[in-house]
Amino acid sequence: MSDVKRRSVGRPAGATKASGGHSQSLVRGLTLLEYLSASPLGLALSELADMADLAPSTTHRLLQALQSQGFVTQESEQGLWRIDVKTFRIGNSFLEARDVVALSRPFLRRLTAETGETANLGIREGATAVFLAQHESPQMMRMITRLGSRAPLHASGVGKALLAWMSEDERTELLKGYDLARVTENTLHQTGELLTEMATIRTQGFACDREEHAVGLHCVAACIHDEHGTPLAAISVSGPMARIPEERLLALGALVRTIADEITLQLGGQLPR
């Protein structure tokens, strides 16, 4: 590719100089990633410096920091810089989340139609569950979760479902520095009782939240699995205890598990054994 074509990409949309309140180095590094992601054949140091309006020495320092973390790489022959595997993984995780959200929406509507309660979908990000989609109950009194909001893994139905189906090594590593803080009086806050709960979830195929995240609220959740059988997301049904007493909680759990399995199969995922 000619020098002109490589540089015709221009400044990525939204790329601006760092402003007050932001880390200048972080913003500059992300800007370099944007330029590299738009140039699959790679860019020379001088081109990147010119495009980002930075000194070559500053650009090189930022690239070295990104390279040390696996976000960019430099080919030895021409010295061009390209995005590396970690950047790809981050982008790929977004695409996976977007795909599962789009495919799951009709299933969430079906869950609400069959149960009369609010249906949610969430994914794991670090030690929290993040809610990405919802279909609200038509009931006057209903559970509503703001999209993008988070809940601790140990104190929510979606979170516990995701936690239960993580590999044992991954779960053990996550729990090493995990604060099992109480959200309500019913929150599981001892490691032993949480691990016992994980075994129960894997046996019955769904997680129950009995006022562990919000007083007066019951929830059941089940995992959606990827092609390797690892948890990709989880769906749930939530509502007030008055409409979801203990006996209905278990019945809803079986329904949520069945629908989660249907989504898994539609995504080409592998059901857990």
Protein backbone atom coordinates (compact mmCIF):
# COMPACT_ATOMS: atom_id res chain seq x y z
CA MET A 1 0.00 0.00 0.00
CA SER A 2 1.32 3.47 -0.88
CA ASP A 3 2.14 6.06 1.72
CA VAL A 4 -0.75 8.19 0.50
CA LYS A 5 -3.31 5.40 0.91
CA ARG A 6 -2.10 4.47 4.35
CA ARG A 7 -2.49 8.03 5.51
CA SER A 8 -5.83 8.64 3.83
CA VAL A 9 -7.57 7.04 6.81
CA GLY A 10 -7.47 10.37 8.61
CA ARG A 11 -8.32 11.07 12.22
CA PRO A 12 -10.74 8.44 13.57
CA ALA A 13 -14.21 9.61 14.49
CA GLY A 14 -14.27 10.83 18.03
CA ALA A 15 -10.48 11.08 18.29
CA THR A 16 -9.66 14.29 20.10
CA LYS A 17 -6.87 15.62 22.16
CA ALA A 18 -6.97 14.88 25.86
CA SER A 19 -9.06 17.28 27.86
CA GLY A 20 -9.21 18.19 31.51
CA GLY A 21 -10.11 15.35 33.83
CA HIS A 22 -8.78 12.65 31.50
CA SER A 23 -5.44 10.87 31.52
CA GLN A 24 -3.52 12.36 28.63
CA SER A 25 -1.39 9.26 28.11
CA LEU A 26 -4.43 6.98 28.12
CA VAL A 27 -6.28 9.09 25.57
CA ARG A 28 -3.19 9.31 23.36
CA GLY A 29 -2.66 5.54 23.54
CA LEU A 30 -6.27 4.83 22.63
CA THR A 31 -6.02 7.27 19.74
CA LEU A 32 -3.01 5.36 18.40
CA LEU A 33 -5.03 2.12 18.65
CA GLU A 34 -7.83 3.72 16.63
CA TYR A 35 -5.41 4.70 13.85
CA LEU A 36 -3.84 1.23 13.80
CA SER A 37 -7.21 -0.54 13.78
CA ALA A 38 -8.14 1.47 10.69
CA SER A 39 -4.86 0.51 8.96
CA PRO A 40 -4.67 -3.31 8.72
CA LEU A 41 -1.41 -3.19 6.72
CA GLY A 42 0.27 -1.28 9.52
CA LEU A 43 1.72 2.20 10.01
CA ALA A 44 5.24 3.49 10.45
CA LEU A 45 6.21 5.35 13.62
CA SER A 46 6.60 8.62 11.72
CA GLU A 47 3.13 8.25 10.18
CA LEU A 48 1.50 7.59 13.54
CA ALA A 49 3.30 10.52 15.12
CA ASP A 50 2.16 12.81 12.32
CA MET A 51 -1.43 11.58 12.36
CA ALA A 52 -1.71 11.90 16.16
CA ASP A 53 0.14 15.23 16.19
CA LEU A 54 2.69 13.86 18.66
CA ALA A 55 6.47 13.88 18.87
CA PRO A 56 8.02 10.64 17.53
CA SER A 57 9.62 10.00 20.92
CA THR A 58 6.26 10.28 22.68
CA THR A 59 4.60 8.08 20.08
CA HIS A 60 7.32 5.44 20.46
CA ARG A 61 6.99 5.44 24.24
CA LEU A 62 3.22 4.94 24.00
CA LEU A 63 3.61 2.15 21.44
CA GLN A 64 6.12 0.36 23.64
CA ALA A 65 3.69 0.51 26.55
CA LEU A 66 0.89 -0.90 24.38
CA GLN A 67 3.23 -3.56 23.02
CA SER A 68 4.24 -4.69 26.52
CA GLN A 69 0.56 -5.42 27.23
CA GLY A 70 -0.07 -7.24 23.95
CA PHE A 71 -2.23 -4.56 22.30
CA VAL A 72 0.15 -3.76 19.41
CA THR A 73 3.06 -5.43 17.66
CA GLN A 74 5.86 -4.30 15.37
CA GLU A 75 6.94 -6.34 12.38
CA SER A 76 10.68 -6.77 12.09
CA GLU A 77 11.06 -6.38 8.30
CA GLN A 78 9.60 -2.91 7.69
CA GLY A 79 9.13 -1.79 11.26
CA LEU A 80 5.41 -1.16 10.77
CA TRP A 81 3.13 -1.17 13.80
CA ARG A 82 -0.14 -3.16 13.87
CA ILE A 83 -2.79 -4.08 16.40
CA ASP A 84 -2.07 -7.35 18.22
CA VAL A 85 -4.14 -10.20 19.55
CA LYS A 86 -5.36 -8.55 22.78
CA THR A 87 -6.96 -5.69 20.86
CA PHE A 88 -8.67 -8.27 18.66
CA ARG A 89 -9.97 -10.17 21.69
CA ILE A 90 -11.50 -7.03 23.17
CA GLY A 91 -13.23 -6.20 19.91
CA ASN A 92 -14.36 -9.78 19.49
CA SER A 93 -15.90 -9.85 22.97
CA PHE A 94 -17.99 -6.81 22.02
CA LEU A 95 -19.19 -8.55 18.85
CA GLU A 96 -20.10 -11.67 20.82
CA ALA A 97 -22.06 -9.62 23.33
CA ARG A 98 -23.83 -7.72 20.55
CA ASP A 99 -24.75 -10.96 18.76
CA VAL A 100 -26.12 -12.68 21.86
CA VAL A 101 -28.17 -9.59 22.76
CA ALA A 102 -29.76 -9.40 19.30
CA LEU A 103 -30.52 -13.12 19.20
CA SER A 104 -31.87 -13.18 22.75
CA ARG A 105 -34.42 -10.36 22.45
CA PRO A 106 -37.29 -12.53 21.12
CA PHE A 107 -36.57 -15.06 23.87
CA LEU A 108 -36.77 -12.32 26.51
CA ARG A 109 -40.13 -11.26 25.08
CA ARG A 110 -41.26 -14.88 25.24
CA LEU A 111 -40.15 -15.18 28.86
CA THR A 112 -42.16 -12.11 29.82
CA ALA A 113 -45.18 -13.34 27.85
CA GLU A 114 -45.09 -16.74 29.60
CA THR A 115 -44.31 -15.52 33.11
CA GLY A 116 -45.72 -11.99 33.28
CA GLU A 117 -42.41 -10.86 34.81
CA THR A 118 -39.43 -8.79 33.68
CA ALA A 119 -36.77 -10.70 31.73
CA ASN A 120 -33.12 -9.60 31.62
CA LEU A 121 -29.87 -10.53 29.92
CA GLY A 122 -26.44 -9.85 31.39
CA ILE A 123 -22.80 -10.67 30.86
CA ARG A 124 -19.82 -10.89 33.19
CA GLU A 125 -17.28 -8.09 33.26
CA GLY A 126 -14.65 -8.72 35.89
CA ALA A 127 -16.35 -9.31 39.22
CA THR A 128 -19.71 -7.86 38.19
CA ALA A 129 -22.70 -8.74 36.04
CA VAL A 130 -23.60 -6.06 33.49
CA PHE A 131 -27.19 -5.89 32.21
CA LEU A 132 -27.45 -5.37 28.46
CA ALA A 133 -31.06 -6.15 27.53
CA GLN A 134 -34.47 -6.24 29.18
CA HIS A 135 -38.12 -6.86 28.44
CA GLU A 136 -40.33 -5.29 31.08
CA SER A 137 -43.26 -6.90 32.83
CA PRO A 138 -46.67 -5.40 32.00
CA GLN A 139 -47.54 -5.49 35.71
CA MET A 140 -47.99 -2.21 37.58
CA MET A 141 -45.46 -3.32 40.20
CA ARG A 142 -42.45 -4.67 38.35
CA MET A 143 -38.68 -4.96 38.48
CA ILE A 144 -36.79 -2.55 36.18
CA THR A 145 -33.01 -2.57 35.72
CA ARG A 146 -31.22 0.29 34.00
CA LEU A 147 -29.31 -1.05 31.00
CA GLY A 148 -25.58 -0.88 31.64
CA SER A 149 -26.07 -1.17 35.39
CA ARG A 150 -24.01 -3.67 37.36
CA ALA A 151 -24.54 -6.14 40.17
CA PRO A 152 -22.01 -8.15 42.19
CA LEU A 153 -21.58 -11.70 40.91
CA HIS A 154 -22.28 -13.21 44.33
CA ALA A 155 -25.38 -11.11 44.99
CA SER A 156 -27.53 -11.49 41.88
CA GLY A 157 -29.19 -14.30 39.96
CA VAL A 158 -27.41 -13.50 36.69
CA GLY A 159 -24.10 -13.08 38.52
CA LYS A 160 -24.36 -16.37 40.39
CA ALA A 161 -25.31 -18.25 37.22
CA LEU A 162 -22.25 -16.86 35.42
CA LEU A 163 -20.01 -17.55 38.41
CA ALA A 164 -21.24 -21.13 38.80
CA TRP A 165 -20.36 -22.12 35.24
CA MET A 166 -16.89 -20.58 35.19
CA SER A 167 -14.06 -23.10 35.23
CA GLU A 168 -13.00 -24.05 38.74
CA ASP A 169 -9.54 -22.52 38.26
CA GLU A 170 -10.96 -19.24 36.94
CA ARG A 171 -13.54 -19.04 39.73
CA THR A 172 -10.93 -19.79 42.39
CA GLU A 173 -8.64 -17.09 41.03
CA LEU A 174 -11.47 -14.53 40.91
CA LEU A 175 -12.59 -15.26 44.47
CA LYS A 176 -9.07 -14.83 45.88
CA GLY A 177 -9.37 -11.07 46.04
CA TYR A 178 -13.16 -10.88 45.95
CA ASP A 179 -15.10 -8.99 48.60
CA LEU A 180 -18.26 -10.90 49.46
CA ALA A 181 -19.93 -7.76 50.72
CA ARG A 182 -23.51 -7.94 51.89
CA VAL A 183 -26.01 -6.11 49.73
CA THR A 184 -28.96 -7.30 51.84
CA GLU A 185 -29.28 -9.49 54.91
CA ASN A 186 -29.78 -12.48 52.59
CA THR A 187 -26.61 -12.00 50.54
CA LEU A 188 -24.24 -14.96 50.65
CA HIS A 189 -21.14 -13.48 52.29
CA GLN A 190 -19.10 -16.54 53.27
CA THR A 191 -16.92 -18.33 50.71
CA GLY A 192 -18.02 -21.77 51.89
CA GLU A 193 -21.73 -21.10 51.52
CA LEU A 194 -21.15 -19.48 48.13
CA LEU A 195 -19.26 -22.53 46.84
CA THR A 196 -22.04 -24.80 48.11
CA GLU A 197 -24.50 -22.62 46.20
CA MET A 198 -22.36 -22.95 43.04
CA ALA A 199 -22.65 -26.75 43.23
CA THR A 200 -26.44 -26.49 43.64
CA ILE A 201 -26.69 -24.18 40.62
CA ARG A 202 -24.72 -26.57 38.42
CA THR A 203 -26.88 -29.49 39.55
CA GLN A 204 -30.28 -27.83 38.96
CA GLY A 205 -29.16 -25.74 35.97
CA PHE A 206 -30.27 -22.35 37.25
CA ALA A 207 -29.51 -19.84 40.00
CA CYS A 208 -31.95 -18.39 42.49
CA ASP A 209 -31.72 -14.95 44.06
CA ARG A 210 -33.84 -14.88 47.20
CA GLU A 211 -33.78 -11.21 48.22
CA GLU A 212 -29.99 -11.29 47.93
CA HIS A 213 -29.73 -8.21 45.72
CA ALA A 214 -32.91 -6.33 46.65
CA VAL A 215 -35.32 -6.80 49.54
CA GLY A 216 -38.68 -8.14 48.37
CA LEU A 217 -37.33 -9.33 45.02
CA HIS A 218 -36.92 -12.90 43.77
CA CYS A 219 -35.01 -13.84 40.62
CA VAL A 220 -34.02 -16.96 38.69
CA ALA A 221 -31.26 -17.05 36.07
CA ALA A 222 -29.59 -19.52 33.72
CA CYS A 223 -26.49 -19.38 31.56
CA ILE A 224 -26.05 -19.14 27.82
CA HIS A 225 -22.91 -21.02 26.77
CA ASP A 226 -20.48 -20.54 23.90
CA GLU A 227 -19.06 -23.20 21.60
CA HIS A 228 -16.66 -24.33 24.33
CA GLY A 229 -19.38 -24.66 26.95
CA THR A 230 -18.15 -21.64 28.91
CA PRO A 231 -20.60 -18.96 30.11
CA LEU A 232 -21.22 -16.27 27.51
CA ALA A 233 -24.20 -14.54 29.14
CA ALA A 234 -27.17 -15.27 31.39
CA ILE A 235 -30.88 -14.56 31.22
CA SER A 236 -33.19 -14.08 34.17
CA VAL A 237 -36.75 -13.49 35.29
CA SER A 238 -37.31 -11.20 38.26
CA GLY A 239 -40.33 -10.02 40.21
CA PRO A 240 -41.72 -9.29 43.65
CA MET A 241 -41.95 -12.12 46.18
CA ALA A 242 -45.72 -11.70 46.25
CA ARG A 243 -45.88 -13.04 42.69
CA ILE A 244 -42.81 -15.28 42.84
CA PRO A 245 -43.00 -17.27 46.08
CA GLU A 246 -40.59 -20.15 46.69
CA GLU A 247 -42.66 -22.81 44.92
CA ARG A 248 -42.98 -20.69 41.78
CA LEU A 249 -39.31 -19.71 41.93
CA LEU A 250 -38.21 -23.30 41.20
CA ALA A 251 -40.76 -23.75 38.42
CA LEU A 252 -39.61 -20.54 36.75
CA GLY A 253 -36.03 -21.71 37.09
CA ALA A 254 -36.74 -24.76 34.95
CA LEU A 255 -38.38 -22.57 32.29
CA VAL A 256 -35.50 -20.08 32.25
CA ARG A 257 -33.00 -22.92 31.94
CA THR A 258 -34.91 -24.39 28.99
CA ILE A 259 -34.97 -21.06 27.15
CA ALA A 260 -31.30 -20.37 27.94
CA ASP A 261 -30.46 -23.76 26.41
CA GLU A 262 -32.45 -22.86 23.29
CA ILE A 263 -30.45 -19.65 22.91
CA THR A 264 -27.20 -21.57 23.42
CA LEU A 265 -28.08 -23.98 20.62
CA GLN A 266 -29.13 -21.17 18.27
CA LEU A 267 -25.75 -19.50 18.86
CA GLY A 268 -23.96 -22.75 18.05
CA GLY A 269 -22.94 -23.14 21.68
CA GLN A 270 -22.38 -26.30 23.67
CA LEU A 271 -24.72 -27.28 26.49
CA PRO A 272 -23.02 -28.11 29.80
CA ARG A 273 -22.79 -31.73 30.78
